[in-house]
C-alpha atoms as a PDB file:
ATOM      1  CA  MET A   1       0.174   0.094  -0.214  1.00  0.00           C
ATOM      2  CA  ILE A   2       1.163   3.478  -1.599  1.00  0.00           C
ATOM      3  CA  THR A   3       1.414   6.112   1.915  1.00  0.00           C
ATOM      4  CA  ILE A   4       1.460   9.522   1.979  1.00  0.00           C
ATOM      5  CA  GLU A   5       5.376   9.337   2.266  1.00  0.00           C
ATOM      6  CA  ASP A   6       5.586   7.056  -0.355  1.00  0.00           C
ATOM      7  CA  LYS A   7       3.180   9.634  -3.049  1.00  0.00           C
ATOM      8  CA  LEU A   8       5.517  13.426  -1.207  1.00  0.00           C
ATOM      9  CA  ASP A   9       8.479  11.231  -2.357  1.00  0.00           C
ATOM     10  CA  ILE A  10       6.943  10.138  -5.758  1.00  0.00           C
ATOM     11  CA  PHE A  11       6.503  14.017  -6.167  1.00  0.00           C
ATOM     12  CA  TYR A  12       9.587  15.213  -5.053  1.00  0.00           C
ATOM     13  CA  LYS A  13      11.698  12.957  -7.535  1.00  0.00           C
ATOM     14  CA  LEU A  14       9.660  13.782 -10.644  1.00  0.00           C
ATOM     15  CA  VAL A  15       8.798  17.846  -9.939  1.00  0.00           C
ATOM     16  CA  PHE A  16      10.670  19.224  -7.328  1.00  0.00           C
ATOM     17  CA  LYS A  17      14.126  17.036  -8.357  1.00  0.00           C
ATOM     18  CA  ASN A  18      14.030  18.268 -11.644  1.00  0.00           C
ATOM     19  CA  GLU A  19      13.934  21.736 -10.763  1.00  0.00           C
ATOM     20  CA  GLU A  20      16.385  21.747  -8.150  1.00  0.00           C
ATOM     21  CA  GLU A  21      18.911  20.076 -10.712  1.00  0.00           C
ATOM     22  CA  LYS A  22      17.892  22.827 -12.936  1.00  0.00           C
ATOM     23  CA  ALA A  23      18.575  25.078 -10.707  1.00  0.00           C
ATOM     24  CA  GLN A  24      21.631  24.137 -10.391  1.00  0.00           C
ATOM     25  CA  GLU A  25      22.245  24.090 -13.767  1.00  0.00           C
ATOM     26  CA  ARG A  26      21.463  27.721 -14.033  1.00  0.00           C
ATOM     27  CA  LEU A  27      23.648  28.710 -11.114  1.00  0.00           C
ATOM     28  CA  GLU A  28      26.537  27.081 -12.762  1.00  0.00           C
ATOM     29  CA  ASN A  29      25.826  28.795 -15.754  1.00  0.00           C
ATOM     30  CA  ILE A  30      25.643  31.985 -14.085  1.00  0.00           C
ATOM     31  CA  GLU A  31      29.044  31.185 -11.991  1.00  0.00           C
ATOM     32  CA  ILE A  32      30.947  30.459 -15.141  1.00  0.00           C
ATOM     33  CA  GLN A  33      29.395  33.347 -17.221  1.00  0.00           C
ATOM     34  CA  HIS A  34      30.247  35.205 -13.807  1.00  0.00           C
ATOM     35  CA  LYS A  35      33.714  34.274 -13.946  1.00  0.00           C
ATOM     36  CA  ARG A  36      34.412  34.861 -17.999  1.00  0.00           C
ATOM     37  CA  ILE A  37      32.955  38.343 -17.180  1.00  0.00           C
ATOM     38  CA  LEU A  38      35.477  38.696 -13.621  1.00  0.00           C
ATOM     39  CA  ASN A  39      38.317  37.808 -16.505  1.00  0.00           C
ATOM     40  CA  ASP A  40      37.361  39.470 -19.263  1.00  0.00           C
ATOM     41  CA  LYS A  41      37.586  42.598 -16.860  1.00  0.00           C
ATOM     42  CA  ILE A  42      41.008  41.622 -15.330  1.00  0.00           C
ATOM     43  CA  VAL A  43      41.993  41.650 -18.845  1.00  0.00           C
ATOM     44  CA  GLU A  44      40.341  45.027 -19.772  1.00  0.00           C
ATOM     45  CA  LEU A  45      41.697  46.577 -16.402  1.00  0.00           C
ATOM     46  CA  GLU A  46      45.087  45.217 -17.337  1.00  0.00           C
ATOM     47  CA  LYS A  47      44.886  46.662 -20.861  1.00  0.00           C
ATOM     48  CA  MET A  48      43.861  50.142 -19.428  1.00  0.00           C
ATOM     49  CA  LYS A  49      46.257  50.369 -17.005  1.00  0.00           C
ATOM     50  CA  GLU A  50      49.138  49.016 -19.689  1.00  0.00           C
ATOM     51  CA  GLN A  51      47.502  51.916 -21.819  1.00  0.00           C
ATOM     52  CA  ASN A  52      48.122  54.255 -18.812  1.00  0.00           C
ATOM     53  CA  ILE A  53      51.692  53.676 -18.065  1.00  0.00           C
ATOM     54  CA  ASN A  54      51.998  53.911 -22.004  1.00  0.00           C
ATOM     55  CA  ARG A  55      50.678  57.271 -22.141  1.00  0.00           C
ATOM     56  CA  ARG A  56      52.466  58.528 -19.186  1.00  0.00           C
ATOM     57  CA  LYS A  57      55.407  57.437 -20.791  1.00  0.00           C
ATOM     58  CA  ASN A  58      54.977  58.629 -24.136  1.00  0.00           C
ATOM     59  CA  LEU A  59      53.529  62.237 -22.215  1.00  0.00           C
ATOM     60  CA  ALA A  60      57.122  62.059 -19.994  1.00  0.00           C
ATOM     61  CA  GLN A  61      59.014  61.754 -22.704  1.00  0.00           C
ATOM     62  CA  ILE A  62      56.836  64.239 -25.065  1.00  0.00           C
ATOM     63  CA  GLN A  63      58.019  66.685 -22.041  1.00  0.00           C
ATOM     64  CA  LYS A  64      61.452  65.946 -22.098  1.00  0.00           C
ATOM     65  CA  ASN A  65      61.666  66.459 -25.925  1.00  0.00           C
ATOM     66  CA  GLU A  66      60.137  69.868 -25.327  1.00  0.00           C
ATOM     67  CA  MET A  67      62.328  70.810 -22.483  1.00  0.00           C
ATOM     68  CA  ILE A  68      65.127  69.623 -24.263  1.00  0.00           C
ATOM     69  CA  SER A  69      64.101  71.655 -27.477  1.00  0.00           C
ATOM     70  CA  LYS A  70      63.597  74.846 -25.014  1.00  0.00           C
ATOM     71  CA  ALA A  71      67.144  73.963 -23.691  1.00  0.00           C
ATOM     72  CA  ILE A  72      68.692  74.454 -27.201  1.00  0.00           C
ATOM     73  CA  GLY A  73      66.184  77.628 -28.343  1.00  0.00           C
ATOM     74  CA  GLU A  74      67.626  79.113 -25.419  1.00  0.00           C
ATOM     75  CA  ASP A  75      71.365  78.012 -26.157  1.00  0.00           C
ATOM     76  CA  LYS A  76      70.854  79.261 -30.035  1.00  0.00           C
ATOM     77  CA  ARG A  77      69.231  82.147 -28.638  1.00  0.00           C
ATOM     78  CA  LYS A  78      72.002  83.092 -25.972  1.00  0.00           C
ATOM     79  CA  LEU A  79      74.730  82.197 -29.467  1.00  0.00           C
ATOM     80  CA  LEU A  80      72.707  84.233 -31.757  1.00  0.00           C
ATOM     81  CA  ILE A  81      73.120  87.039 -29.016  1.00  0.00           C
ATOM     82  CA  LYS A  82      76.291  86.682 -28.309  1.00  0.00           C
ATOM     83  CA  ARG A  83      77.093  86.779 -32.118  1.00  0.00           C
ATOM     84  CA  GLU A  84      75.187  90.084 -32.607  1.00  0.00           C
ATOM     85  CA  GLU A  85      77.656  91.781 -29.746  1.00  0.00           C
ATOM     86  CA  LEU A  86      80.340  90.346 -30.936  1.00  0.00           C
ATOM     87  CA  LEU A  87      79.676  91.452 -34.657  1.00  0.00           C
ATOM     88  CA  LYS A  88      78.799  94.617 -33.330  1.00  0.00           C
ATOM     89  CA  ASP A  89      82.485  95.380 -31.216  1.00  0.00           C
ATOM     90  CA  LEU A  90      84.192  94.767 -34.303  1.00  0.00           C
ATOM     91  CA  ILE A  91      82.454  96.781 -36.516  1.00  0.00           C
ATOM     92  CA  SER A  92      82.939  98.904 -33.427  1.00  0.00           C
ATOM     93  CA  SER A  93      86.805  98.299 -33.804  1.00  0.00           C
ATOM     94  CA  LEU A  94      86.665  98.816 -37.789  1.00  0.00           C
ATOM     95  CA  GLU A  95      85.080 101.974 -37.856  1.00  0.00           C
ATOM     96  CA  ILE A  96      87.511 103.389 -34.977  1.00  0.00           C
ATOM     97  CA  LYS A  97      90.674 101.823 -37.248  1.00  0.00           C
ATOM     98  CA  ALA A  98      89.050 103.858 -40.250  1.00  0.00           C
ATOM     99  CA  LYS A  99      88.737 106.801 -38.398  1.00  0.00           C
ATOM    100  CA  GLU A 100      92.353 106.360 -37.619  1.00  0.00           C
ATOM    101  CA  PHE A 101      93.343 105.773 -40.985  1.00  0.00           C
ATOM    102  CA  THR A 102      92.005 109.251 -42.182  1.00  0.00           C
ATOM    103  CA  SER A 103      95.027 111.298 -39.985  1.00  0.00           C
ATOM    104  CA  THR A 104      97.371 109.203 -41.927  1.00  0.00           C
ATOM    105  CA  ILE A 105      99.557 109.672 -45.123  1.00  0.00           C
ATOM    106  CA  GLU A 106      97.865 106.638 -46.659  1.00  0.00           C
ATOM    107  CA  TYR A 107      94.920 107.496 -46.415  1.00  0.00           C
ATOM    108  CA  ARG A 108      95.382 110.899 -48.437  1.00  0.00           C
ATOM    109  CA  GLU A 109      97.201 108.195 -51.013  1.00  0.00           C
ATOM    110  CA  TYR A 110      93.982 106.477 -50.958  1.00  0.00           C
ATOM    111  CA  MET A 111      91.710 108.973 -51.688  1.00  0.00           C
ATOM    112  CA  LEU A 112      93.412 110.356 -54.348  1.00  0.00           C
ATOM    113  CA  LYS A 113      93.589 107.132 -56.313  1.00  0.00           C
ATOM    114  CA  ARG A 114      90.222 106.364 -55.068  1.00  0.00           C
ATOM    115  CA  LEU A 115      89.301 109.323 -56.749  1.00  0.00           C
ATOM    116  CA  LYS A 116      91.227 108.470 -60.348  1.00  0.00           C
ATOM    117  CA  ASP A 117      89.734 105.190 -60.638  1.00  0.00           C
ATOM    118  CA  THR A 118      85.905 106.992 -60.270  1.00  0.00           C
ATOM    119  CA  LEU A 119      86.917 108.970 -62.729  1.00  0.00           C
ATOM    120  CA  LYS A 120      88.257 106.548 -65.198  1.00  0.00           C
ATOM    121  CA  GLU A 121      84.456 105.046 -65.369  1.00  0.00           C
ATOM    122  CA  SER A 122      82.588 108.544 -65.545  1.00  0.00           C
ATOM    123  CA  ASP A 123      80.956 110.131 -68.646  1.00  0.00           C
ATOM    124  CA  GLU A 124      80.198 112.814 -67.107  1.00  0.00           C
ATOM    125  CA  LYS A 125      81.835 116.167 -67.327  1.00  0.00           C
ATOM    126  CA  ASP A 126      80.302 118.099 -64.005  1.00  0.00           C
ATOM    127  CA  ILE A 127      81.000 115.772 -60.969  1.00  0.00           C
ATOM    128  CA  ILE A 128      79.811 116.239 -57.182  1.00  0.00           C
ATOM    129  CA  ILE A 129      81.979 115.291 -54.671  1.00  0.00           C
ATOM    130  CA  LYS A 130      81.084 114.885 -50.817  1.00  0.00           C
ATOM    131  CA  LEU A 131      83.558 114.775 -47.853  1.00  0.00           C
ATOM    132  CA  ASN A 132      83.325 115.824 -44.588  1.00  0.00           C
ATOM    133  CA  LYS A 133      84.743 118.948 -43.360  1.00  0.00           C
ATOM    134  CA  GLU A 134      88.293 117.862 -42.267  1.00  0.00           C
ATOM    135  CA  ASP A 135      88.951 116.002 -45.782  1.00  0.00           C
ATOM    136  CA  SER A 136      87.633 119.124 -47.521  1.00  0.00           C
ATOM    137  CA  LYS A 137      90.038 121.154 -46.068  1.00  0.00           C
ATOM    138  CA  LYS A 138      93.114 118.822 -46.520  1.00  0.00           C
ATOM    139  CA  LEU A 139      92.734 117.263 -49.958  1.00  0.00           C
ATOM    140  CA  GLN A 140      90.516 119.897 -52.163  1.00  0.00           C
ATOM    141  CA  LYS A 141      93.343 121.397 -53.601  1.00  0.00           C
ATOM    142  CA  GLU A 142      94.923 118.169 -54.873  1.00  0.00           C
ATOM    143  CA  LEU A 143      91.179 116.759 -55.757  1.00  0.00           C
ATOM    144  CA  LEU A 144      90.918 119.379 -57.838  1.00  0.00           C
ATOM    145  CA  GLU A 145      94.308 118.745 -59.731  1.00  0.00           C
ATOM    146  CA  VAL A 146      92.663 115.354 -60.308  1.00  0.00           C
ATOM    147  CA  ALA A 147      90.183 116.135 -61.500  1.00  0.00           C
ATOM    148  CA  LYS A 148      91.711 118.667 -64.155  1.00  0.00           C
ATOM    149  CA  GLU A 149      93.753 115.279 -65.308  1.00  0.00           C
ATOM    150  CA  PHE A 150      90.285 114.106 -66.410  1.00  0.00           C
ATOM    151  CA  ASN A 151      88.856 117.376 -68.198  1.00  0.00           C
ATOM    152  CA  GLU A 152      85.781 117.176 -65.292  1.00  0.00           C
ATOM    153  CA  ASN A 153      84.379 119.907 -63.520  1.00  0.00           C
ATOM    154  CA  LEU A 154      84.712 119.277 -59.591  1.00  0.00           C
ATOM    155  CA  SER A 155      82.139 120.854 -57.201  1.00  0.00           C
ATOM    156  CA  PHE A 156      82.305 119.720 -53.509  1.00  0.00           C
ATOM    157  CA  GLU A 157      79.333 119.204 -50.764  1.00  0.00           C
ATOM    158  CA  GLU A 158      79.806 118.352 -47.300  1.00  0.00           C
ATOM    159  CA  LEU A 159      79.882 114.909 -46.630  1.00  0.00           C
ATOM    160  CA  ASN A 160      77.191 113.509 -43.240  1.00  0.00           C
ATOM    161  CA  LYS A 161      79.216 113.137 -40.385  1.00  0.00           C
ATOM    162  CA  ASP A 162      78.796 109.838 -39.531  1.00  0.00           C
ATOM    163  CA  ALA A 163      80.192 108.875 -42.966  1.00  0.00           C
ATOM    164  CA  ILE A 164      84.071 108.816 -41.029  1.00  0.00           C
ATOM    165  CA  GLY A 165      85.469 109.402 -44.163  1.00  0.00           C
ATOM    166  CA  GLY A 166      86.118 108.858 -48.030  1.00  0.00           C
ATOM    167  CA  PHE A 167      83.639 110.131 -50.604  1.00  0.00           C
ATOM    168  CA  VAL A 168      80.190 110.548 -52.664  1.00  0.00           C
ATOM    169  CA  ILE A 169      80.501 110.981 -56.116  1.00  0.00           C
ATOM    170  CA  THR A 170      77.650 111.838 -57.702  1.00  0.00           C
ATOM    171  CA  ASP A 171      76.356 113.907 -61.063  1.00  0.00           C
ATOM    172  CA  LYS A 172      74.661 117.143 -60.462  1.00  0.00           C
ATOM    173  CA  ALA A 173      71.724 116.282 -61.954  1.00  0.00           C
ATOM    174  CA  LYS A 174      72.219 113.721 -58.931  1.00  0.00           C
ATOM    175  CA  THR A 175      70.406 111.194 -61.229  1.00  0.00           C
ATOM    176  CA  TYR A 176      72.991 108.242 -58.978  1.00  0.00           C
ATOM    177  CA  SER A 177      75.348 108.323 -56.228  1.00  0.00           C
ATOM    178  CA  LEU A 178      78.317 106.387 -55.834  1.00  0.00           C
ATOM    179  CA  ASP A 179      79.178 105.867 -51.816  1.00  0.00           C
ATOM    180  CA  ASN A 180      82.471 105.418 -50.875  1.00  0.00           C
ATOM    181  CA  SER A 181      82.710 106.282 -47.428  1.00  0.00           C
ATOM    182  CA  PHE A 182      84.332 104.251 -44.928  1.00  0.00           C
ATOM    183  CA  LYS A 183      81.084 103.763 -43.056  1.00  0.00           C
ATOM    184  CA  SER A 184      78.841 102.558 -45.677  1.00  0.00           C
ATOM    185  CA  ILE A 185      81.812  99.996 -47.093  1.00  0.00           C
ATOM    186  CA  ILE A 186      81.695  98.853 -43.870  1.00  0.00           C
ATOM    187  CA  GLU A 187      77.922  98.443 -43.328  1.00  0.00           C
ATOM    188  CA  GLU A 188      77.842  97.153 -47.291  1.00  0.00           C
ATOM    189  CA  ASN A 189      80.167  94.167 -46.009  1.00  0.00           C
ATOM    190  CA  ARG A 190      78.655  93.679 -42.904  1.00  0.00           C
ATOM    191  CA  TYR A 191      77.690  89.940 -43.628  1.00  0.00           C
ATOM    192  CA  LYS A 192      80.511  89.081 -45.123  1.00  0.00           C
ATOM    193  CA  ILE A 193      82.185  90.606 -42.096  1.00  0.00           C
ATOM    194  CA  GLY A 194      79.886  88.196 -39.432  1.00  0.00           C
ATOM    195  CA  LYS A 195      80.386  85.022 -41.534  1.00  0.00           C
ATOM    196  CA  GLU A 196      84.355  85.259 -41.467  1.00  0.00           C
ATOM    197  CA  LEU A 197      84.148  86.184 -37.458  1.00  0.00           C
ATOM    198  CA  TYR A 198      81.735  83.384 -37.099  1.00  0.00           C
ATOM    199  CA  THR A 199      83.840  81.068 -39.130  1.00  0.00           C
ATOM    200  CA  SER A 200      86.528  82.228 -36.821  1.00  0.00           C
ATOM    201  CA  LEU A 201      85.232  81.792 -33.650  1.00  0.00           C
ATOM    202  CA  GLU A 202      84.056  78.158 -34.406  1.00  0.00           C
ATOM    203  CA  LYS A 203      87.050  77.200 -35.551  1.00  0.00           C
ATOM    204  CA  ILE A 204      88.433  78.082 -32.228  1.00  0.00           C
ATOM    205  CA  GLY A 205      85.794  76.691 -30.208  1.00  0.00           C
ATOM    206  CA  ASP A 206      84.437  80.127 -28.712  1.00  0.00           C
ATOM    207  CA  LEU A 207      81.008  80.039 -29.703  1.00  0.00           C
ATOM    208  CA  ASN A 208      80.764  76.019 -28.096  1.00  0.00           C
ATOM    209  CA  GLU A 209      81.740  76.991 -24.726  1.00  0.00           C
END
């Protein structure tokens, strides 16, 4: 005879046991899924960590490069300033030497020869020569004699005070001007003077200290 307990046991086996197994299976699947999600998250976090490290490394490298570039730029700026100072001193020294030269006998010979060379190339008959006051007093007579040799009519005008020495030639209509003043000669050769100065300094290492 089947008792109530037997019936319950059969019902349990048919219904509850089956559902229990399904529930256990679902729990196992959920656990497996959670582990997979957790592993994926760990991998993702490790990847993010690596990316952050790489970003920081790249940022540090960029900052380092910027600092190096800034330092190099500052060194170049200081070098340019030093070069300009040296060139300025050299130009000033050349102007002083040119001024000293105007007081020598060689300067008189230079002026007469320079005028002769200029007049040889001139097609004009009426020429204006610009001199500073001191040169005009000392050399006017001899310059007129040179002009006479070339059948030139030479008249005189005053040269700018900062010209140092030398002269400027122009025609009466002032359509052209030949500037042989020392100030202009030095300025016209400023680039060449600077280039030779820098080359010399680089050879002895002064600009690399």
